[in-house]
């Protein structure tokens, strides 16, 4: 794929990097990001080298994880050698380590805080356009994706755990569905980005009793109520975690333990194909990364078994969202349906 931007990031920051990629592409800026654009069977190092050399700009999604990433340092070295402009985009208030300072100490960077990361993608897109030699967006001529989104919003309000939450669904460029979860007030609360090409279901009225039922159900021959070594979280806690992630305070992977399918799922969720612990270890090598597993609800075994396998594989921060898709939907929150 022809691209303008190479997105460099630590695997720990994949959710943030994916959000940056989706935001830039909604602005019409073509991106290359691993593992999405990797080609099976082709050497990984060769693909990275070629993708950087073919890019005009590197966007570095910077956090504390990048300071300890040899892979990212190698990518920055390749970009510097190929005279590719590097735009650091900080998702956490962390200073560059001495090696990175050698390359980036005099570079201007952008911050993705305070507030939602998505609120800072516009200035990032402007900076990328300037490096590409094009004009920045202006108030009188907004990017095509932003203009579409501004014309087609629909809003409703729901209550989760006593907190008023407003939900906004907007259709971005290229059919990308974006689901926004906004606490009112303040305006800087969390944003849920769906996968490109997904269809977002309408918001339903919340049913707190159904939410509790799906979160706590225990059936014969089904999963138990708890899992030793893992923390069980409810819907309100997951919403709080997503808000904290969007504020740059924490990082985690939200994993649909049913694998990749066309069934409704959570907007921010990743799926694994093949759906195995080996694939999870390949995608998420850090055993200290926070992993949150879910499936349909507390009666389905997939999320329990996946969380159990992750613990056995040595992951130390495993969470189990027992309520799953059913509890999420019963809370009135949006689901998405991914293309097969």
Protein backbone atom coordinates (compact mmCIF):
# COMPACT_ATOMS: atom_id res chain seq x y z
CA UNK A 1 0.00 0.00 0.00
CA UNK A 2 1.27 3.46 -0.88
CA UNK A 3 1.52 5.55 2.27
CA UNK A 4 2.54 8.97 3.52
CA UNK A 5 3.17 8.17 7.19
CA UNK A 6 4.90 5.37 9.07
CA UNK A 7 3.53 5.04 12.61
CA UNK A 8 6.21 3.94 15.08
CA UNK A 9 5.06 2.67 18.46
CA UNK A 10 5.70 0.20 21.23
CA UNK A 11 3.46 -2.88 21.22
CA UNK A 12 2.38 -1.78 24.72
CA UNK A 13 0.78 1.29 23.13
CA UNK A 14 -1.09 -0.48 20.32
CA UNK A 15 -4.56 0.88 21.27
CA UNK A 16 -3.25 4.45 21.19
CA UNK A 17 -1.31 3.86 17.96
CA UNK A 18 -4.39 2.34 16.31
CA UNK A 19 -6.42 5.39 17.36
CA UNK A 20 -3.78 7.69 15.84
CA UNK A 21 -3.79 5.65 12.63
CA UNK A 22 -7.57 5.70 12.37
CA UNK A 23 -7.68 9.43 13.07
CA UNK A 24 -5.05 10.32 10.46
CA UNK A 25 -6.64 8.10 7.83
CA UNK A 26 -10.02 9.70 8.53
CA UNK A 27 -8.24 12.97 7.63
CA UNK A 28 -7.14 11.47 4.30
CA UNK A 29 -3.54 10.76 5.36
CA UNK A 30 -2.35 7.31 4.31
CA UNK A 31 -0.56 5.35 7.05
CA UNK A 32 1.54 2.21 7.44
CA UNK A 33 1.30 0.52 10.83
CA UNK A 34 2.34 -2.89 12.14
CA UNK A 35 0.93 -5.47 12.43
CA UNK A 36 -1.98 -4.35 10.22
CA UNK A 37 0.08 -3.76 7.08
CA UNK A 38 2.54 -6.62 7.44
CA UNK A 39 2.55 -9.27 4.72
CA UNK A 40 2.63 -12.89 5.90
CA UNK A 41 5.75 -14.77 4.86
CA UNK A 42 7.85 -11.69 4.18
CA UNK A 43 10.72 -10.96 6.63
CA UNK A 44 9.57 -8.52 9.30
CA UNK A 45 12.76 -6.45 9.32
CA UNK A 46 12.68 -6.05 5.55
CA UNK A 47 9.07 -4.85 5.66
CA UNK A 48 9.82 -2.28 8.36
CA UNK A 49 12.87 -0.96 6.50
CA UNK A 50 10.97 -0.66 3.21
CA UNK A 51 7.94 0.95 4.85
CA UNK A 52 10.07 3.60 6.58
CA UNK A 53 12.08 4.34 3.44
CA UNK A 54 8.85 4.75 1.46
CA UNK A 55 7.29 7.13 3.99
CA UNK A 56 7.57 10.91 3.98
CA UNK A 57 6.83 11.31 7.69
CA UNK A 58 7.23 9.10 10.77
CA UNK A 59 4.75 9.69 13.59
CA UNK A 60 6.29 8.43 16.83
CA UNK A 61 3.62 7.49 19.39
CA UNK A 62 5.76 8.20 22.43
CA UNK A 63 5.34 6.90 25.99
CA UNK A 64 7.50 5.46 28.72
CA UNK A 65 7.46 2.14 26.84
CA UNK A 66 9.28 3.65 23.86
CA UNK A 67 12.22 4.64 26.06
CA UNK A 68 12.95 0.94 26.63
CA UNK A 69 12.14 -0.31 23.12
CA UNK A 70 15.12 -1.32 20.99
CA UNK A 71 12.78 -1.93 18.03
CA UNK A 72 11.48 1.65 18.08
CA UNK A 73 15.02 3.04 18.43
CA UNK A 74 16.00 1.04 15.35
CA UNK A 75 13.03 2.49 13.46
CA UNK A 76 14.00 6.04 14.42
CA UNK A 77 17.58 5.39 13.30
CA UNK A 78 16.27 4.11 9.95
CA UNK A 79 14.05 7.18 9.57
CA UNK A 80 16.91 9.55 10.35
CA UNK A 81 19.18 7.79 7.88
CA UNK A 82 16.49 7.98 5.17
CA UNK A 83 15.84 11.69 5.93
CA UNK A 84 12.23 10.96 6.91
CA UNK A 85 10.70 13.73 9.04
CA UNK A 86 9.93 12.52 12.58
CA UNK A 87 6.94 13.96 14.46
CA UNK A 88 6.88 12.84 18.13
CA UNK A 89 3.32 12.51 19.51
CA UNK A 90 3.51 12.09 23.29
CA UNK A 91 0.69 10.13 24.92
CA UNK A 92 2.30 10.46 28.36
CA UNK A 93 4.30 13.20 30.10
CA UNK A 94 7.64 11.41 29.78
CA UNK A 95 11.04 12.76 28.70
CA UNK A 96 13.13 11.17 25.94
CA UNK A 97 15.93 8.93 27.15
CA UNK A 98 19.49 9.96 26.14
CA UNK A 99 19.53 7.83 22.97
CA UNK A 100 16.23 9.26 21.75
CA UNK A 101 17.33 12.76 22.71
CA UNK A 102 20.22 12.35 20.25
CA UNK A 103 17.68 12.12 17.43
CA UNK A 104 14.74 14.06 18.85
CA UNK A 105 16.12 16.47 21.44
CA UNK A 106 15.74 19.47 19.12
CA UNK A 107 12.51 18.30 17.46
CA UNK A 108 9.18 19.94 18.17
CA UNK A 109 6.70 17.46 19.61
CA UNK A 110 2.94 17.37 20.11
CA UNK A 111 1.14 16.19 23.25
CA UNK A 112 -1.99 14.00 23.26
CA UNK A 113 -3.04 15.30 26.66
CA UNK A 114 -4.82 16.67 28.60
CA UNK A 115 -8.23 15.37 27.56
CA UNK A 116 -8.97 12.76 24.92
CA UNK A 117 -6.29 11.54 22.56
CA UNK A 118 -8.74 12.03 19.67
CA UNK A 119 -8.96 15.76 20.43
CA UNK A 120 -5.25 16.10 19.55
CA UNK A 121 -5.28 14.17 16.26
CA UNK A 122 -6.34 17.30 14.33
CA UNK A 123 -3.18 19.27 15.24
CA UNK A 124 -1.14 16.14 14.52
CA UNK A 125 -2.72 15.87 11.07
CA UNK A 126 -1.90 19.53 10.45
CA UNK A 127 1.74 18.95 11.42
CA UNK A 128 1.92 15.93 9.12
CA UNK A 129 0.43 17.92 6.22
CA UNK A 130 3.02 20.65 6.68
CA UNK A 131 5.80 18.07 6.54
CA UNK A 132 4.18 16.61 3.42
CA UNK A 133 4.24 20.07 1.85
CA UNK A 134 0.46 20.57 1.92
CA UNK A 135 -1.67 23.20 3.68
CA UNK A 136 -3.00 22.72 7.19
CA UNK A 137 -6.73 22.51 7.74
CA UNK A 138 -8.51 25.76 8.58
CA UNK A 139 -11.77 26.57 10.28
CA UNK A 140 -13.24 27.58 6.92
CA UNK A 141 -12.13 24.39 5.17
CA UNK A 142 -12.30 21.44 7.59
CA UNK A 143 -10.97 18.03 6.54
CA UNK A 144 -13.47 15.95 4.56
CA UNK A 145 -13.90 13.40 7.36
CA UNK A 146 -14.52 16.07 10.00
CA UNK A 147 -17.08 17.81 7.82
CA UNK A 148 -18.99 14.55 7.31
CA UNK A 149 -18.95 13.74 10.99
CA UNK A 150 -20.23 17.22 11.82
CA UNK A 151 -23.23 16.73 9.56
CA UNK A 152 -24.35 13.32 10.73
CA UNK A 153 -24.32 13.03 14.55
CA UNK A 154 -27.08 11.49 16.65
CA UNK A 155 -27.04 11.70 20.44
CA UNK A 156 -28.67 10.02 23.39
CA UNK A 157 -28.04 9.96 27.14
CA UNK A 158 -27.78 6.90 29.37
CA UNK A 159 -26.87 6.19 32.98
CA UNK A 160 -24.23 3.71 34.13
CA UNK A 161 -23.62 3.28 37.82
CA UNK A 162 -25.40 6.57 38.55
CA UNK A 163 -23.23 8.52 36.07
CA UNK A 164 -24.93 10.35 33.21
CA UNK A 165 -23.25 9.43 29.94
CA UNK A 166 -23.99 10.85 26.49
CA UNK A 167 -23.34 8.69 23.44
CA UNK A 168 -22.60 10.13 19.99
CA UNK A 169 -22.43 8.08 16.79
CA UNK A 170 -20.74 9.71 13.78
CA UNK A 171 -19.89 8.32 10.35
CA UNK A 172 -16.36 9.31 9.30
CA UNK A 173 -14.76 9.21 5.87
CA UNK A 174 -14.66 5.91 4.02
CA UNK A 175 -17.51 4.45 6.07
CA UNK A 176 -15.48 4.27 9.28
CA UNK A 177 -17.85 4.14 12.24
CA UNK A 178 -16.75 6.05 15.34
CA UNK A 179 -18.58 5.59 18.64
CA UNK A 180 -18.05 8.33 21.20
CA UNK A 181 -18.73 7.79 24.88
CA UNK A 182 -18.86 11.22 26.53
CA UNK A 183 -19.50 11.89 30.19
CA UNK A 184 -21.40 15.14 30.72
CA UNK A 185 -19.67 17.11 32.14
CA UNK A 186 -16.66 17.37 31.57
CA UNK A 187 -16.20 17.51 27.79
CA UNK A 188 -12.80 15.76 27.96
CA UNK A 189 -14.12 12.30 28.91
CA UNK A 190 -13.49 9.04 27.02
CA UNK A 191 -13.85 8.26 23.34
CA UNK A 192 -14.47 4.75 21.99
CA UNK A 193 -13.01 4.20 18.51
CA UNK A 194 -14.39 1.30 16.53
CA UNK A 195 -12.51 -0.70 13.94
CA UNK A 196 -12.53 0.80 10.41
CA UNK A 197 -15.33 -0.63 8.29
CA UNK A 198 -17.47 -1.61 11.27
CA UNK A 199 -21.19 -0.90 11.59
CA UNK A 200 -22.31 0.58 14.90
CA UNK A 201 -25.59 -0.56 16.44
CA UNK A 202 -28.02 2.05 17.80
CA UNK A 203 -27.85 2.93 21.49
CA UNK A 204 -30.46 1.07 23.59
CA UNK A 205 -32.02 2.11 26.89
CA UNK A 206 -29.91 0.89 29.83
CA UNK A 207 -31.26 -1.96 31.99
CA UNK A 208 -29.19 -2.13 35.21
CA UNK A 209 -30.81 -5.39 36.32
CA UNK A 210 -29.90 -7.12 33.07
CA UNK A 211 -26.36 -5.78 33.34
CA UNK A 212 -26.02 -7.33 36.81
CA UNK A 213 -27.56 -10.61 35.62
CA UNK A 214 -25.11 -10.98 32.73
CA UNK A 215 -22.15 -10.04 34.93
CA UNK A 216 -23.00 -12.48 37.73
CA UNK A 217 -24.68 -15.42 35.99
CA UNK A 218 -23.26 -18.86 36.85
CA UNK A 219 -24.65 -21.85 34.95
CA UNK A 220 -24.11 -25.62 35.33
CA UNK A 221 -20.94 -26.71 33.52
CA UNK A 222 -20.14 -23.02 32.91
CA UNK A 223 -17.37 -20.77 34.26
CA UNK A 224 -17.21 -20.11 38.01
CA UNK A 225 -17.85 -16.67 39.49
CA UNK A 226 -14.13 -15.91 39.97
CA UNK A 227 -10.75 -16.90 38.57
CA UNK A 228 -7.76 -17.24 40.88
CA UNK A 229 -5.02 -14.82 39.85
CA UNK A 230 -7.33 -12.63 37.76
CA UNK A 231 -9.48 -9.65 38.71
CA UNK A 232 -13.16 -9.68 37.75
CA UNK A 233 -14.41 -6.27 36.60
CA UNK A 234 -17.90 -4.99 35.83
CA UNK A 235 -19.19 -2.73 33.10
CA UNK A 236 -18.84 0.53 35.01
CA UNK A 237 -15.24 -0.34 35.89
CA UNK A 238 -14.44 -1.10 32.25
CA UNK A 239 -15.91 2.26 31.19
CA UNK A 240 -13.69 3.96 33.80
CA UNK A 241 -10.64 2.10 32.47
CA UNK A 242 -11.38 3.22 28.92
CA UNK A 243 -11.66 6.80 30.12
CA UNK A 244 -8.32 6.50 31.93
CA UNK A 245 -6.74 5.01 28.82
CA UNK A 246 -8.00 7.83 26.63
CA UNK A 247 -6.56 10.30 29.15
CA UNK A 248 -3.14 8.66 28.74
CA UNK A 249 -3.12 7.38 32.32
CA UNK A 250 -3.08 3.61 31.64
CA UNK A 251 -2.60 1.18 28.75
CA UNK A 252 -4.29 -2.18 28.23
CA UNK A 253 -5.53 -4.68 25.65
CA UNK A 254 -9.25 -5.48 25.51
CA UNK A 255 -9.55 -8.89 23.86
CA UNK A 256 -12.64 -10.61 22.44
CA UNK A 257 -11.96 -14.21 23.47
CA UNK A 258 -14.33 -15.54 20.81
CA UNK A 259 -11.83 -14.74 18.08
CA UNK A 260 -12.51 -12.65 14.98
CA UNK A 261 -16.02 -12.94 13.58
CA UNK A 262 -18.96 -10.87 12.35
CA UNK A 263 -20.72 -11.08 15.73
CA UNK A 264 -21.34 -7.83 17.66
CA UNK A 265 -18.39 -6.90 19.87
CA UNK A 266 -17.09 -3.98 21.96
CA UNK A 267 -15.93 -0.97 19.90
CA UNK A 268 -12.40 -0.85 21.33
CA UNK A 269 -11.78 -4.62 21.35
CA UNK A 270 -9.07 -6.54 19.54
CA UNK A 271 -9.54 -10.10 18.35
CA UNK A 272 -6.92 -12.75 17.65
CA UNK A 273 -6.79 -14.93 14.55
CA UNK A 274 -5.90 -17.69 15.21
CA UNK A 275 -7.56 -17.43 18.59
CA UNK A 276 -4.82 -19.05 20.70
CA UNK A 277 -2.59 -18.14 23.63
CA UNK A 278 0.36 -18.47 21.26
CA UNK A 279 -1.11 -15.74 19.07
CA UNK A 280 -1.66 -13.54 22.12
CA UNK A 281 1.98 -14.03 23.13
CA UNK A 282 3.06 -13.14 19.59
CA UNK A 283 0.96 -9.96 19.51
CA UNK A 284 1.61 -8.97 23.14
CA UNK A 285 5.11 -10.06 24.19
CA UNK A 286 5.16 -8.04 27.43
CA UNK A 287 3.91 -10.26 30.27
CA UNK A 288 3.21 -7.21 32.44
CA UNK A 289 0.72 -5.66 29.99
CA UNK A 290 -2.83 -5.43 31.36
CA UNK A 291 -5.12 -7.83 29.47
CA UNK A 292 -8.94 -7.71 29.72
CA UNK A 293 -10.83 -10.71 28.33
CA UNK A 294 -14.53 -10.95 27.53
CA UNK A 295 -16.96 -12.99 25.48
CA UNK A 296 -20.78 -13.02 25.41
CA UNK A 297 -21.52 -12.97 29.16
CA UNK A 298 -20.71 -14.75 32.42
CA UNK A 299 -22.09 -18.06 31.13
CA UNK A 300 -19.79 -18.42 28.11
CA UNK A 301 -16.48 -20.21 28.71
CA UNK A 302 -14.22 -18.54 26.14
CA UNK A 303 -13.19 -15.50 28.19
CA UNK A 304 -12.64 -17.59 31.32
CA UNK A 305 -10.46 -20.08 29.43
CA UNK A 306 -8.51 -17.32 27.66
CA UNK A 307 -7.83 -15.50 30.93
CA UNK A 308 -6.82 -18.77 32.56
CA UNK A 309 -4.42 -19.54 29.67
CA UNK A 310 -2.91 -16.06 29.91
CA UNK A 311 -2.21 -16.57 33.61
CA UNK A 312 -0.63 -19.94 32.89
CA UNK A 313 1.53 -18.30 30.18
CA UNK A 314 2.94 -15.88 32.75
CA UNK A 315 0.87 -12.72 32.25
CA UNK A 316 0.67 -10.95 35.59
CA UNK A 317 -2.11 -8.39 35.06
CA UNK A 318 -5.15 -10.31 33.81
CA UNK A 319 -8.71 -9.03 34.12
CA UNK A 320 -11.95 -10.83 33.29
CA UNK A 321 -14.96 -8.84 32.15
CA UNK A 322 -17.60 -11.49 32.89
CA UNK A 323 -20.55 -9.43 31.64
CA UNK A 324 -19.18 -9.33 28.11
CA UNK A 325 -21.12 -8.15 25.07
CA UNK A 326 -24.51 -8.82 26.65
CA UNK A 327 -23.86 -6.72 29.77
CA UNK A 328 -22.27 -3.98 27.65
CA UNK A 329 -25.34 -3.88 25.41
CA UNK A 330 -27.73 -4.01 28.37
CA UNK A 331 -25.97 -0.91 29.72
CA UNK A 332 -26.99 0.90 26.55
CA UNK A 333 -23.43 1.09 25.23
CA UNK A 334 -22.70 0.74 21.49
CA UNK A 335 -21.42 -2.45 19.90
CA UNK A 336 -19.84 -2.84 16.49
CA UNK A 337 -19.95 -5.55 13.85
CA UNK A 338 -16.65 -6.05 12.08
CA UNK A 339 -16.35 -7.00 8.45
CA UNK A 340 -15.49 -10.67 8.01
